[in-house]
């Protein structure tokens, strides 16, 4: 059994800040725990824009605080995401999130991330490591 709090992750290797300065993520469960998924609390900052494309991962996102506009690049559709709203990127959709307020969400990735990932020039995370 693993019990871990967000407070104990603060400013450790599990607390990742994007090079872009648009988000930070506290990674509660990682590939090394061998649970088959990773679990993160992520905050995207108000007034920013983050374009993402998880070419190698499926991600589920549950908004727990704040509001943001989500644009699906594949369809051009936009969605208003607010607390209690979930979105699932099950088709590796390219998308952009534009938080109106600081946007706090809980994210689940499959396959799990290792913990150090940041978006590359395509907005993607690298493929999972074979032994992760």
C-alpha atoms as a PDB file:
ATOM      1  CA  UNK A   1       0.000   0.000   0.000  1.00  0.00           C
ATOM      2  CA  UNK A   2       1.185   3.484  -0.820  1.00  0.00           C
ATOM      3  CA  UNK A   3      -0.077   6.553   0.997  1.00  0.00           C
ATOM      4  CA  UNK A   4       1.199   9.868  -0.313  1.00  0.00           C
ATOM      5  CA  UNK A   5       0.044  13.468   0.107  1.00  0.00           C
ATOM      6  CA  UNK A   6       0.311  16.451  -2.213  1.00  0.00           C
ATOM      7  CA  UNK A   7       2.079  18.364   0.583  1.00  0.00           C
ATOM      8  CA  UNK A   8       4.920  15.849   0.800  1.00  0.00           C
ATOM      9  CA  UNK A   9       5.452  16.021  -2.984  1.00  0.00           C
ATOM     10  CA  UNK A  10       5.866  19.824  -2.918  1.00  0.00           C
ATOM     11  CA  UNK A  11       9.311  20.794  -4.308  1.00  0.00           C
ATOM     12  CA  UNK A  12      10.511  17.199  -4.797  1.00  0.00           C
ATOM     13  CA  UNK A  13      11.356  15.358  -8.024  1.00  0.00           C
ATOM     14  CA  UNK A  14       7.640  14.512  -8.296  1.00  0.00           C
ATOM     15  CA  UNK A  15       6.735  18.212  -8.516  1.00  0.00           C
ATOM     16  CA  UNK A  16       7.343  19.097 -12.163  1.00  0.00           C
ATOM     17  CA  UNK A  17       7.120  22.624 -13.557  1.00  0.00           C
ATOM     18  CA  UNK A  18       6.799  23.112 -17.312  1.00  0.00           C
ATOM     19  CA  UNK A  19       9.625  24.832 -19.140  1.00  0.00           C
ATOM     20  CA  UNK A  20       6.891  26.912 -20.816  1.00  0.00           C
ATOM     21  CA  UNK A  21       5.840  28.296 -17.429  1.00  0.00           C
ATOM     22  CA  UNK A  22       2.174  27.484 -18.138  1.00  0.00           C
ATOM     23  CA  UNK A  23       1.638  24.607 -15.684  1.00  0.00           C
ATOM     24  CA  UNK A  24       2.938  22.551 -12.781  1.00  0.00           C
ATOM     25  CA  UNK A  25       2.150  18.958 -11.896  1.00  0.00           C
ATOM     26  CA  UNK A  26       2.418  16.897  -8.713  1.00  0.00           C
ATOM     27  CA  UNK A  27       2.824  13.295  -9.743  1.00  0.00           C
ATOM     28  CA  UNK A  28       1.340  11.007  -7.118  1.00  0.00           C
ATOM     29  CA  UNK A  29       1.641   7.651  -8.905  1.00  0.00           C
ATOM     30  CA  UNK A  30       4.348   7.005 -11.508  1.00  0.00           C
ATOM     31  CA  UNK A  31       5.505   4.134 -13.713  1.00  0.00           C
ATOM     32  CA  UNK A  32       7.926   2.987 -10.991  1.00  0.00           C
ATOM     33  CA  UNK A  33       4.955   2.050  -8.780  1.00  0.00           C
ATOM     34  CA  UNK A  34       3.920  -0.449 -11.507  1.00  0.00           C
ATOM     35  CA  UNK A  35       0.193   0.305 -11.133  1.00  0.00           C
ATOM     36  CA  UNK A  36      -0.385   0.435 -14.908  1.00  0.00           C
ATOM     37  CA  UNK A  37      -1.237   4.170 -14.873  1.00  0.00           C
ATOM     38  CA  UNK A  38       0.079   7.437 -13.459  1.00  0.00           C
ATOM     39  CA  UNK A  39      -1.936   9.903 -11.384  1.00  0.00           C
ATOM     40  CA  UNK A  40      -1.218  13.634 -11.217  1.00  0.00           C
ATOM     41  CA  UNK A  41      -2.634  16.835  -9.823  1.00  0.00           C
ATOM     42  CA  UNK A  42      -1.925  19.541 -12.380  1.00  0.00           C
ATOM     43  CA  UNK A  43      -2.486  23.289 -12.267  1.00  0.00           C
ATOM     44  CA  UNK A  44      -2.563  25.270 -15.510  1.00  0.00           C
ATOM     45  CA  UNK A  45      -2.218  28.990 -14.895  1.00  0.00           C
ATOM     46  CA  UNK A  46      -4.881  31.583 -15.706  1.00  0.00           C
ATOM     47  CA  UNK A  47      -4.322  33.528 -18.911  1.00  0.00           C
ATOM     48  CA  UNK A  48      -1.959  30.964 -20.457  1.00  0.00           C
ATOM     49  CA  UNK A  49      -2.362  28.653 -23.410  1.00  0.00           C
ATOM     50  CA  UNK A  50      -0.997  25.110 -23.583  1.00  0.00           C
ATOM     51  CA  UNK A  51      -1.162  23.043 -26.783  1.00  0.00           C
ATOM     52  CA  UNK A  52      -0.762  19.319 -26.254  1.00  0.00           C
ATOM     53  CA  UNK A  53      -0.742  16.097 -28.219  1.00  0.00           C
ATOM     54  CA  UNK A  54      -0.319  12.837 -26.336  1.00  0.00           C
ATOM     55  CA  UNK A  55       0.772  10.704 -29.283  1.00  0.00           C
ATOM     56  CA  UNK A  56       1.905   7.878 -26.974  1.00  0.00           C
ATOM     57  CA  UNK A  57      -0.550   8.153 -24.064  1.00  0.00           C
ATOM     58  CA  UNK A  58      -4.249   8.189 -23.260  1.00  0.00           C
ATOM     59  CA  UNK A  59      -5.191  10.825 -20.686  1.00  0.00           C
ATOM     60  CA  UNK A  60      -8.315  11.352 -18.595  1.00  0.00           C
ATOM     61  CA  UNK A  61      -8.697  14.777 -16.962  1.00  0.00           C
ATOM     62  CA  UNK A  62     -11.142  15.740 -14.209  1.00  0.00           C
ATOM     63  CA  UNK A  63     -11.452  19.446 -13.416  1.00  0.00           C
ATOM     64  CA  UNK A  64     -11.680  20.072  -9.669  1.00  0.00           C
ATOM     65  CA  UNK A  65     -11.189  23.852  -9.606  1.00  0.00           C
ATOM     66  CA  UNK A  66     -11.204  26.727 -12.099  1.00  0.00           C
ATOM     67  CA  UNK A  67     -12.456  27.066 -15.649  1.00  0.00           C
ATOM     68  CA  UNK A  68     -10.865  26.659 -19.060  1.00  0.00           C
ATOM     69  CA  UNK A  69     -11.669  26.497 -22.750  1.00  0.00           C
ATOM     70  CA  UNK A  70     -10.636  23.243 -24.423  1.00  0.00           C
ATOM     71  CA  UNK A  71     -10.198  23.203 -28.205  1.00  0.00           C
ATOM     72  CA  UNK A  72      -9.996  19.938 -30.137  1.00  0.00           C
ATOM     73  CA  UNK A  73      -7.671  20.573 -33.086  1.00  0.00           C
ATOM     74  CA  UNK A  74      -9.016  17.532 -34.922  1.00  0.00           C
ATOM     75  CA  UNK A  75     -12.636  18.765 -35.046  1.00  0.00           C
ATOM     76  CA  UNK A  76     -12.335  22.478 -34.251  1.00  0.00           C
ATOM     77  CA  UNK A  77     -14.856  22.016 -31.425  1.00  0.00           C
ATOM     78  CA  UNK A  78     -14.463  23.964 -28.219  1.00  0.00           C
ATOM     79  CA  UNK A  79     -15.705  22.882 -24.804  1.00  0.00           C
ATOM     80  CA  UNK A  80     -16.027  24.831 -21.572  1.00  0.00           C
ATOM     81  CA  UNK A  81     -14.413  22.801 -18.777  1.00  0.00           C
ATOM     82  CA  UNK A  82     -15.404  23.582 -15.184  1.00  0.00           C
ATOM     83  CA  UNK A  83     -15.384  21.694 -11.866  1.00  0.00           C
ATOM     84  CA  UNK A  84     -16.954  18.279 -12.220  1.00  0.00           C
ATOM     85  CA  UNK A  85     -16.269  18.056 -15.971  1.00  0.00           C
ATOM     86  CA  UNK A  86     -14.081  15.255 -17.334  1.00  0.00           C
ATOM     87  CA  UNK A  87     -12.517  14.878 -20.748  1.00  0.00           C
ATOM     88  CA  UNK A  88     -10.817  11.794 -22.165  1.00  0.00           C
ATOM     89  CA  UNK A  89      -8.163  11.987 -24.872  1.00  0.00           C
ATOM     90  CA  UNK A  90      -8.735   8.447 -26.092  1.00  0.00           C
ATOM     91  CA  UNK A  91      -7.935   9.223 -29.738  1.00  0.00           C
ATOM     92  CA  UNK A  92      -4.621  11.030 -29.151  1.00  0.00           C
ATOM     93  CA  UNK A  93      -6.315  14.308 -30.090  1.00  0.00           C
ATOM     94  CA  UNK A  94      -4.237  17.445 -30.497  1.00  0.00           C
ATOM     95  CA  UNK A  95      -5.781  20.022 -28.195  1.00  0.00           C
ATOM     96  CA  UNK A  96      -5.277  23.397 -26.535  1.00  0.00           C
ATOM     97  CA  UNK A  97      -6.325  24.413 -23.034  1.00  0.00           C
ATOM     98  CA  UNK A  98      -6.858  28.102 -22.221  1.00  0.00           C
ATOM     99  CA  UNK A  99      -7.542  28.597 -18.501  1.00  0.00           C
ATOM    100  CA  UNK A 100      -9.690  31.591 -17.583  1.00  0.00           C
ATOM    101  CA  UNK A 101      -8.722  31.087 -13.928  1.00  0.00           C
ATOM    102  CA  UNK A 102      -6.073  28.844 -12.400  1.00  0.00           C
ATOM    103  CA  UNK A 103      -7.277  25.412 -13.500  1.00  0.00           C
ATOM    104  CA  UNK A 104      -6.649  22.497 -11.127  1.00  0.00           C
ATOM    105  CA  UNK A 105      -7.298  19.008 -12.392  1.00  0.00           C
ATOM    106  CA  UNK A 106      -6.619  15.377 -11.625  1.00  0.00           C
ATOM    107  CA  UNK A 107      -5.074  13.492 -14.562  1.00  0.00           C
ATOM    108  CA  UNK A 108      -4.596   9.794 -15.229  1.00  0.00           C
ATOM    109  CA  UNK A 109      -2.167   8.602 -17.920  1.00  0.00           C
ATOM    110  CA  UNK A 110      -1.861   5.216 -19.567  1.00  0.00           C
ATOM    111  CA  UNK A 111       0.812   4.115 -20.091  1.00  0.00           C
ATOM    112  CA  UNK A 112       2.134   5.745 -16.940  1.00  0.00           C
ATOM    113  CA  UNK A 113       4.695   8.536 -17.089  1.00  0.00           C
ATOM    114  CA  UNK A 114       8.032   8.282 -15.315  1.00  0.00           C
ATOM    115  CA  UNK A 115       7.743  11.689 -13.650  1.00  0.00           C
ATOM    116  CA  UNK A 116      10.180  13.952 -15.479  1.00  0.00           C
ATOM    117  CA  UNK A 117       8.177  14.471 -18.692  1.00  0.00           C
ATOM    118  CA  UNK A 118       7.487  17.888 -20.160  1.00  0.00           C
ATOM    119  CA  UNK A 119       5.862  18.675 -23.509  1.00  0.00           C
ATOM    120  CA  UNK A 120       8.163  18.627 -26.525  1.00  0.00           C
ATOM    121  CA  UNK A 121       7.898  20.940 -29.558  1.00  0.00           C
ATOM    122  CA  UNK A 122       4.812  18.966 -30.716  1.00  0.00           C
ATOM    123  CA  UNK A 123       3.109  19.206 -27.304  1.00  0.00           C
ATOM    124  CA  UNK A 124       3.757  15.516 -26.692  1.00  0.00           C
ATOM    125  CA  UNK A 125       5.453  13.413 -24.046  1.00  0.00           C
ATOM    126  CA  UNK A 126       8.071  10.926 -25.283  1.00  0.00           C
ATOM    127  CA  UNK A 127       7.129   7.265 -25.733  1.00  0.00           C
ATOM    128  CA  UNK A 128       7.244   5.240 -22.515  1.00  0.00           C
ATOM    129  CA  UNK A 129      10.522   3.624 -21.614  1.00  0.00           C
ATOM    130  CA  UNK A 130      10.501  -0.173 -22.144  1.00  0.00           C
ATOM    131  CA  UNK A 131      11.362  -0.972 -18.518  1.00  0.00           C
ATOM    132  CA  UNK A 132       9.105   1.695 -16.956  1.00  0.00           C
END
